[in-house]
Amino acid sequence: MAAKRVGIIGVGFGSQVHLPAFQSEGWEIAGICSRNADKARKAADAAGGAGVFTDPLELIARKDVDAVAISTPPSSHHPLTMAALAAGKHVVCEKPFAMNAREAAEMRDAAASRGLTAMVAHEFRYTPQRGYIKQLVADGYIGRFNLCTLELFLDRYVTAKPRAASWQAFHEHGGGILGALGSHYVDGLRDWFGEVSSVHCRLATLRPDVTHESGKVVQAESDDTYLLTLEFAKGGLATMIASFAGTPARGARIVVMGDDGTLIAEQAGPNPTDDGVVVASRKGSTLAALPTPAHHALEKDARDHRLMAFRMLVRDFTAGIEKGTSPSPNFVDGWRCQQVLDAARLSSDTGSTIAIA
């Protein structure tokens, strides 16, 4: 394979997951970029001496960088991705993919016009529960799909004192639980049931107090809670309630119902695990756990519970470069997901159900 050197932009999730995932899949880390030079240097040292950058465009411009992994706040995804594609780099971009569908379409078109491999970091698709549910639905286990209900309750914003303000609290940076985790679930629902035809949503900020770096308590703008209903072009509905403001945290529960059966997947935290199971009932049988088929099982990587699924995405990314393709979840998926997020925000603003063409 020609492409073996990656530049990583962002040292939060980027250093925790992107970096070890690419290294474990045979990539060399060419450079790490952060606005904070000390953080970049620390991550670079952990990578075995990668280059340190505070200017992402300088890293992108390096001729020995074959691909770029972007793990920064959403407001920077479009400019960084467009710069990377213009420089001829393959791209993995974090979710939420963009600030709006217009940006997402420009990113999609730029990748396609240059024939570059471009994927969105929706690694949840690679977890055993999610992959097995997709197979069971496709194989007709539940018959005709009717309804999916999802609940996600986390206590991330339940604090004794107002939490520190960050980019996640403000619209201009792309904050909010709808983008942060809702985008993963929208992508999963599209993967299982096809395209979304209409959206109804209510966004809320139940715990708005955040502490500015000056010490003053200010109000967060972005959502920490949402109620979302989707209708699918092929039929069926999905409804989801999610919150960072619930206590105690109860993780996630997904129920998929058809006219012949039901599938249930649960997880203790925000992310599906590499050992999750699917509980199922068909034609009135008692609910019971289904053995996970070997082809859905993941290898173990004890360094981080999120890591193995992301490594699987990197494997597809690597194969895509070799074949000249962009495997799903790709920039088309990112654009489609962004259409749903845009419609959800418009629905919340107007109180209307929003159709998606």
Protein backbone atom coordinates (compact mmCIF):
# COMPACT_ATOMS: atom_id res chain seq x y z
CA MET A 1 0.00 0.00 0.00
CA ALA A 2 1.32 3.41 -0.95
CA ALA A 3 -0.35 5.39 1.84
CA LYS A 4 1.16 4.56 5.22
CA ARG A 5 1.74 7.91 6.94
CA VAL A 6 -1.04 9.80 8.67
CA GLY A 7 -1.23 13.23 10.24
CA ILE A 8 -3.58 13.56 13.21
CA ILE A 9 -5.24 16.90 13.93
CA GLY A 10 -6.67 17.15 17.44
CA VAL A 11 -5.36 15.55 20.62
CA GLY A 12 -8.50 14.70 22.60
CA PHE A 13 -10.14 11.69 20.98
CA GLY A 14 -7.40 11.99 18.38
CA SER A 15 -4.63 10.99 20.78
CA GLN A 16 -6.79 8.57 22.76
CA VAL A 17 -8.20 6.57 19.84
CA HIS A 18 -7.15 7.79 16.38
CA LEU A 19 -3.45 7.62 17.13
CA PRO A 20 -3.26 4.10 18.63
CA ALA A 21 -5.78 2.79 16.08
CA PHE A 22 -3.74 3.93 13.08
CA GLN A 23 -0.50 2.70 14.66
CA SER A 24 -2.01 -0.68 15.47
CA GLU A 25 -3.16 -1.05 11.86
CA GLY A 26 0.33 -0.48 10.46
CA TRP A 27 0.34 3.27 9.88
CA GLU A 28 3.18 5.56 10.86
CA ILE A 29 2.18 8.76 12.65
CA ALA A 30 3.81 11.50 10.57
CA GLY A 31 2.68 14.37 12.78
CA ILE A 32 0.28 15.47 15.48
CA CYS A 33 -1.31 18.90 15.59
CA SER A 34 -2.88 20.85 18.44
CA ARG A 35 -3.18 24.55 19.20
CA ASN A 36 -1.49 23.62 22.48
CA ALA A 37 2.12 22.71 21.66
CA ASP A 38 2.64 20.90 24.97
CA LYS A 39 -0.34 18.64 24.35
CA ALA A 40 0.84 17.92 20.81
CA ARG A 41 4.34 17.14 22.06
CA LYS A 42 3.01 14.77 24.73
CA ALA A 43 0.94 12.91 22.16
CA ALA A 44 3.85 12.85 19.73
CA ASP A 45 6.14 11.37 22.38
CA ALA A 46 3.54 8.66 23.04
CA ALA A 47 3.54 7.95 19.30
CA GLY A 48 7.27 7.38 19.28
CA GLY A 49 8.51 10.77 18.16
CA ALA A 50 6.03 12.04 15.58
CA GLY A 51 6.31 15.61 14.33
CA VAL A 52 4.71 18.33 16.45
CA PHE A 53 2.53 21.01 14.81
CA THR A 54 0.37 23.87 16.02
CA ASP A 55 -0.74 24.87 12.50
CA PRO A 56 -2.88 22.17 10.85
CA LEU A 57 -2.24 23.58 7.38
CA GLU A 58 1.48 23.06 7.87
CA LEU A 59 0.88 19.40 8.70
CA ILE A 60 -1.52 18.97 5.79
CA ALA A 61 1.03 20.47 3.37
CA ARG A 62 3.72 17.92 4.18
CA LYS A 63 4.51 15.81 1.14
CA ASP A 64 5.18 12.71 3.25
CA VAL A 65 1.66 12.75 4.72
CA ASP A 66 -0.67 10.43 2.82
CA ALA A 67 -3.80 10.80 4.93
CA VAL A 68 -5.22 13.12 7.56
CA ALA A 69 -7.38 12.20 10.55
CA ILE A 70 -9.43 15.17 11.78
CA SER A 71 -10.55 15.07 15.42
CA THR A 72 -11.35 18.70 16.20
CA PRO A 73 -14.52 20.67 17.05
CA PRO A 74 -17.13 20.44 14.27
CA SER A 75 -16.75 24.07 13.19
CA SER A 76 -13.29 23.27 11.84
CA HIS A 77 -14.19 20.07 9.98
CA HIS A 78 -15.13 21.75 6.70
CA PRO A 79 -12.08 24.01 6.28
CA LEU A 80 -9.62 21.35 7.41
CA THR A 81 -11.19 18.64 5.25
CA MET A 82 -11.30 20.88 2.19
CA ALA A 83 -7.65 21.83 2.71
CA ALA A 84 -6.63 18.20 3.10
CA LEU A 85 -8.51 17.09 -0.02
CA ALA A 86 -7.08 19.99 -2.03
CA ALA A 87 -3.62 18.78 -0.96
CA GLY A 88 -4.41 15.27 -2.23
CA LYS A 89 -4.74 13.63 1.19
CA HIS A 90 -7.16 10.86 2.07
CA VAL A 91 -9.34 11.85 5.04
CA VAL A 92 -11.01 10.39 8.11
CA CYS A 93 -13.19 13.10 9.64
CA GLU A 94 -14.84 12.93 13.05
CA LYS A 95 -18.55 13.33 13.60
CA PRO A 96 -20.65 15.41 13.59
CA PHE A 97 -19.42 15.69 10.04
CA ALA A 98 -20.09 19.38 9.38
CA MET A 99 -21.96 22.42 10.63
CA ASN A 100 -24.71 22.00 8.03
CA ALA A 101 -25.66 20.04 4.93
CA ARG A 102 -24.23 22.65 2.58
CA GLU A 103 -20.77 22.20 4.07
CA ALA A 104 -21.25 18.43 4.06
CA ALA A 105 -22.16 18.44 0.35
CA GLU A 106 -19.05 20.47 -0.49
CA MET A 107 -16.87 17.99 1.41
CA ARG A 108 -18.60 15.04 -0.30
CA ASP A 109 -18.13 16.56 -3.77
CA ALA A 110 -14.51 17.53 -3.16
CA ALA A 111 -13.59 13.98 -2.15
CA ALA A 112 -15.44 12.48 -5.12
CA SER A 113 -13.96 14.87 -7.68
CA ARG A 114 -10.41 14.07 -6.55
CA GLY A 115 -10.94 10.31 -6.26
CA LEU A 116 -9.72 10.26 -2.66
CA THR A 117 -10.76 7.87 0.09
CA ALA A 118 -12.90 9.78 2.59
CA MET A 119 -14.67 8.32 5.61
CA VAL A 120 -16.61 9.61 8.62
CA ALA A 121 -15.75 8.30 12.08
CA HIS A 122 -19.01 6.49 12.75
CA GLU A 123 -17.18 3.55 14.29
CA PHE A 124 -20.31 2.41 16.17
CA ARG A 125 -21.23 0.52 12.97
CA TYR A 126 -18.37 -1.89 13.66
CA THR A 127 -19.46 -2.98 17.15
CA PRO A 128 -20.94 -6.48 17.44
CA GLN A 129 -24.42 -5.39 18.53
CA ARG A 130 -24.84 -2.88 15.72
CA GLY A 131 -23.50 -5.15 13.00
CA TYR A 132 -25.58 -8.10 14.16
CA ILE A 133 -28.78 -6.03 14.32
CA LYS A 134 -28.18 -4.91 10.73
CA GLN A 135 -27.77 -8.54 9.64
CA LEU A 136 -30.87 -9.72 11.52
CA VAL A 137 -33.02 -6.95 10.05
CA ALA A 138 -31.70 -7.65 6.54
CA ASP A 139 -32.24 -11.40 6.97
CA GLY A 140 -35.90 -10.84 7.92
CA TYR A 141 -35.63 -12.01 11.54
CA ILE A 142 -38.19 -9.41 12.69
CA GLY A 143 -40.23 -9.49 9.48
CA ARG A 144 -41.32 -6.09 8.23
CA PHE A 145 -39.71 -3.30 10.25
CA ASN A 146 -42.23 -1.16 12.12
CA LEU A 147 -40.69 0.78 14.97
CA CYS A 148 -37.39 1.45 16.72
CA THR A 149 -37.21 3.13 20.13
CA LEU A 150 -33.97 4.45 21.58
CA GLU A 151 -33.19 5.89 25.00
CA LEU A 152 -29.85 7.36 26.11
CA PHE A 153 -29.53 8.89 29.56
CA LEU A 154 -26.17 10.18 30.77
CA ASP A 155 -25.24 12.41 33.72
CA ARG A 156 -22.35 14.17 32.00
CA TYR A 157 -23.75 17.62 32.84
CA VAL A 158 -25.01 16.77 36.33
CA THR A 159 -22.40 18.50 38.50
CA ALA A 160 -22.32 20.08 41.95
CA LYS A 161 -21.14 23.35 40.42
CA PRO A 162 -21.63 24.64 36.87
CA ARG A 163 -19.29 22.74 34.56
CA ALA A 164 -16.45 24.50 32.79
CA ALA A 165 -17.47 26.14 29.53
CA SER A 166 -16.06 24.49 26.40
CA TRP A 167 -16.73 24.56 22.68
CA GLN A 168 -19.46 21.97 23.28
CA ALA A 169 -21.63 24.61 24.94
CA PHE A 170 -21.90 26.94 21.95
CA HIS A 171 -23.61 26.90 18.56
CA GLU A 172 -20.75 28.53 16.67
CA HIS A 173 -18.49 25.57 17.41
CA GLY A 174 -21.07 22.87 16.71
CA GLY A 175 -21.82 21.84 20.30
CA GLY A 176 -24.80 19.82 21.52
CA ILE A 177 -25.72 16.23 22.23
CA LEU A 178 -27.65 15.96 18.96
CA GLY A 179 -24.39 16.25 17.04
CA ALA A 180 -22.11 14.65 19.60
CA LEU A 181 -24.02 11.38 20.01
CA GLY A 182 -27.22 11.80 18.03
CA SER A 183 -25.21 11.75 14.81
CA HIS A 184 -23.94 8.25 15.68
CA TYR A 185 -27.48 6.98 16.23
CA VAL A 186 -28.85 8.64 13.09
CA ASP A 187 -26.06 6.98 11.11
CA GLY A 188 -26.89 3.63 12.69
CA LEU A 189 -30.59 3.98 11.93
CA ARG A 190 -29.85 4.85 8.31
CA ASP A 191 -27.54 1.84 8.10
CA TRP A 192 -30.32 -0.45 9.32
CA PHE A 193 -33.48 1.01 7.79
CA GLY A 194 -32.46 3.20 4.86
CA GLU A 195 -32.99 6.88 4.18
CA VAL A 196 -35.00 9.19 6.42
CA SER A 197 -37.99 10.89 4.79
CA SER A 198 -39.15 13.18 7.61
CA VAL A 199 -37.98 14.48 10.97
CA HIS A 200 -39.71 15.90 14.03
CA CYS A 201 -37.57 17.09 16.92
CA ARG A 202 -37.52 19.06 20.16
CA LEU A 203 -34.16 20.28 21.45
CA ALA A 204 -33.74 21.45 25.04
CA THR A 205 -31.05 22.76 27.36
CA LEU A 206 -31.99 21.49 30.82
CA ARG A 207 -28.70 22.36 32.58
CA PRO A 208 -27.50 25.55 30.89
CA ASP A 209 -25.14 26.93 33.55
CA VAL A 210 -21.45 26.79 32.59
CA THR A 211 -18.47 28.56 34.11
CA HIS A 212 -16.52 30.83 31.80
CA GLU A 213 -12.72 30.92 32.15
CA SER A 214 -13.20 34.32 33.83
CA GLY A 215 -15.09 32.58 36.62
CA LYS A 216 -18.44 34.03 35.58
CA VAL A 217 -21.40 31.68 35.17
CA VAL A 218 -22.87 31.99 31.68
CA GLN A 219 -25.57 30.14 29.75
CA ALA A 220 -24.81 27.33 27.34
CA GLU A 221 -26.48 27.71 23.95
CA SER A 222 -26.35 24.15 22.71
CA ASP A 223 -28.75 21.33 23.47
CA ASP A 224 -28.15 18.79 26.23
CA THR A 225 -31.40 16.92 25.56
CA TYR A 226 -33.46 15.98 22.52
CA LEU A 227 -36.61 14.12 21.54
CA LEU A 228 -36.47 12.92 17.95
CA THR A 229 -38.87 11.09 15.64
CA LEU A 230 -37.82 9.83 12.21
CA GLU A 231 -39.89 8.35 9.40
CA PHE A 232 -38.12 6.19 6.81
CA ALA A 233 -38.67 6.20 3.07
CA LYS A 234 -39.02 2.40 3.04
CA GLY A 235 -41.50 2.47 5.94
CA GLY A 236 -41.26 2.39 9.70
CA LEU A 237 -40.59 4.91 12.45
CA ALA A 238 -37.86 5.54 15.00
CA THR A 239 -38.12 7.63 18.13
CA MET A 240 -35.28 8.64 20.42
CA ILE A 241 -34.88 10.53 23.66
CA ALA A 242 -31.37 11.40 24.79
CA SER A 243 -29.93 13.60 27.52
CA PHE A 244 -26.65 14.59 29.16
CA ALA A 245 -28.73 15.95 32.07
CA GLY A 246 -30.21 12.75 33.54
CA THR A 247 -29.33 11.21 36.88
CA PRO A 248 -28.44 8.55 37.53
CA ALA A 249 -26.89 7.68 34.18
CA ARG A 250 -28.59 4.66 32.65
CA GLY A 251 -26.75 4.21 29.37
CA ALA A 252 -28.62 3.27 26.23
CA ARG A 253 -31.42 0.89 25.28
CA ILE A 254 -32.40 0.20 21.68
CA VAL A 255 -35.52 -1.78 20.76
CA VAL A 256 -36.21 -2.75 17.14
CA MET A 257 -39.70 -4.09 16.45
CA GLY A 258 -41.15 -5.76 13.39
CA ASP A 259 -44.33 -7.69 12.66
CA ASP A 260 -42.53 -10.98 13.42
CA GLY A 261 -40.12 -10.13 16.23
CA THR A 262 -38.12 -7.79 18.43
CA LEU A 263 -34.42 -7.07 18.94
CA ILE A 264 -33.01 -5.35 22.04
CA ALA A 265 -29.52 -3.93 22.58
CA GLU A 266 -28.34 -2.26 25.77
CA GLN A 267 -25.14 -0.57 26.88
CA ALA A 268 -24.00 0.94 30.17
CA GLY A 269 -22.42 4.11 28.79
CA PRO A 270 -22.47 6.38 25.74
CA ASN A 271 -20.65 3.90 23.49
CA PRO A 272 -21.56 0.33 22.51
CA THR A 273 -18.99 -2.13 23.79
CA ASP A 274 -17.03 -4.81 21.99
CA ASP A 275 -18.80 -7.56 23.98
CA GLY A 276 -22.41 -6.39 23.65
CA VAL A 277 -25.13 -8.93 22.84
CA VAL A 278 -28.49 -8.80 21.10
CA VAL A 279 -31.55 -10.05 23.00
CA ALA A 280 -34.34 -11.21 20.72
CA SER A 281 -37.80 -12.71 20.38
CA ARG A 282 -39.37 -14.08 17.22
CA LYS A 283 -43.01 -15.03 16.62
CA GLY A 284 -43.89 -14.82 20.32
CA SER A 285 -40.91 -16.71 21.71
CA THR A 286 -39.38 -15.75 25.06
CA LEU A 287 -36.75 -13.03 24.92
CA ALA A 288 -33.27 -14.57 24.94
CA ALA A 289 -29.73 -13.55 24.11
CA LEU A 290 -28.56 -14.57 20.64
CA PRO A 291 -25.01 -15.90 20.34
CA THR A 292 -22.96 -13.32 18.43
CA PRO A 293 -21.73 -14.81 15.12
CA ALA A 294 -17.96 -15.04 14.87
CA HIS A 295 -17.82 -12.62 11.94
CA HIS A 296 -19.32 -9.86 14.10
CA ALA A 297 -17.09 -10.47 17.12
CA LEU A 298 -14.19 -8.08 17.69
CA GLU A 299 -10.67 -8.75 18.80
CA LYS A 300 -9.82 -7.44 22.25
CA ASP A 301 -7.84 -4.25 22.81
CA ALA A 302 -7.63 -3.46 26.52
CA ARG A 303 -6.18 0.04 26.04
CA ASP A 304 -9.56 1.71 25.41
CA HIS A 305 -13.03 0.19 25.00
CA ARG A 306 -13.63 2.42 21.95
CA LEU A 307 -10.43 1.42 20.20
CA MET A 308 -11.19 -1.89 18.50
CA ALA A 309 -14.21 -0.59 16.60
CA PHE A 310 -12.17 2.36 15.38
CA ARG A 311 -9.39 0.01 14.31
CA MET A 312 -11.94 -1.79 12.14
CA LEU A 313 -12.84 1.53 10.52
CA VAL A 314 -9.13 2.17 9.85
CA ARG A 315 -8.88 -1.26 8.21
CA ASP A 316 -11.70 -0.32 5.84
CA PHE A 317 -10.08 3.06 5.24
CA THR A 318 -6.79 1.36 4.37
CA ALA A 319 -8.53 -1.09 2.04
CA GLY A 320 -10.40 1.79 0.42
CA ILE A 321 -7.15 3.54 -0.41
CA GLU A 322 -5.77 0.35 -1.93
CA LYS A 323 -8.90 -0.13 -4.07
CA GLY A 324 -9.61 3.51 -4.87
CA THR A 325 -12.96 3.52 -3.04
CA SER A 326 -14.54 5.18 -0.01
CA PRO A 327 -16.20 2.46 2.11
CA SER A 328 -19.21 3.32 4.24
CA PRO A 329 -19.49 5.26 6.46
CA ASN A 330 -18.21 7.71 3.86
CA PHE A 331 -18.79 11.36 3.02
CA VAL A 332 -22.10 10.55 1.32
CA ASP A 333 -23.23 9.03 4.62
CA GLY A 334 -21.93 12.10 6.44
CA TRP A 335 -23.95 14.37 4.15
CA ARG A 336 -27.12 12.29 4.57
CA CYS A 337 -26.72 12.29 8.34
CA GLN A 338 -26.18 16.05 8.30
CA GLN A 339 -29.43 16.50 6.39
CA VAL A 340 -31.23 14.80 9.27
CA LEU A 341 -29.47 16.91 11.90
CA ASP A 342 -30.32 20.11 10.00
CA ALA A 343 -33.96 19.02 9.71
CA ALA A 344 -34.03 18.22 13.44
CA ARG A 345 -32.83 21.71 14.35
CA LEU A 346 -35.27 23.34 11.93
CA SER A 347 -38.10 21.23 13.34
CA SER A 348 -37.24 22.29 16.87
CA ASP A 349 -37.14 25.94 15.85
CA THR A 350 -40.45 25.86 13.98
CA GLY A 351 -42.43 23.10 15.71
CA SER A 352 -42.99 21.51 12.30
CA THR A 353 -42.24 18.11 10.82
CA ILE A 354 -39.53 18.55 8.19
CA ALA A 355 -39.46 16.47 5.01
CA ILE A 356 -36.14 15.37 3.52
CA ALA A 357 -35.90 14.95 -0.24
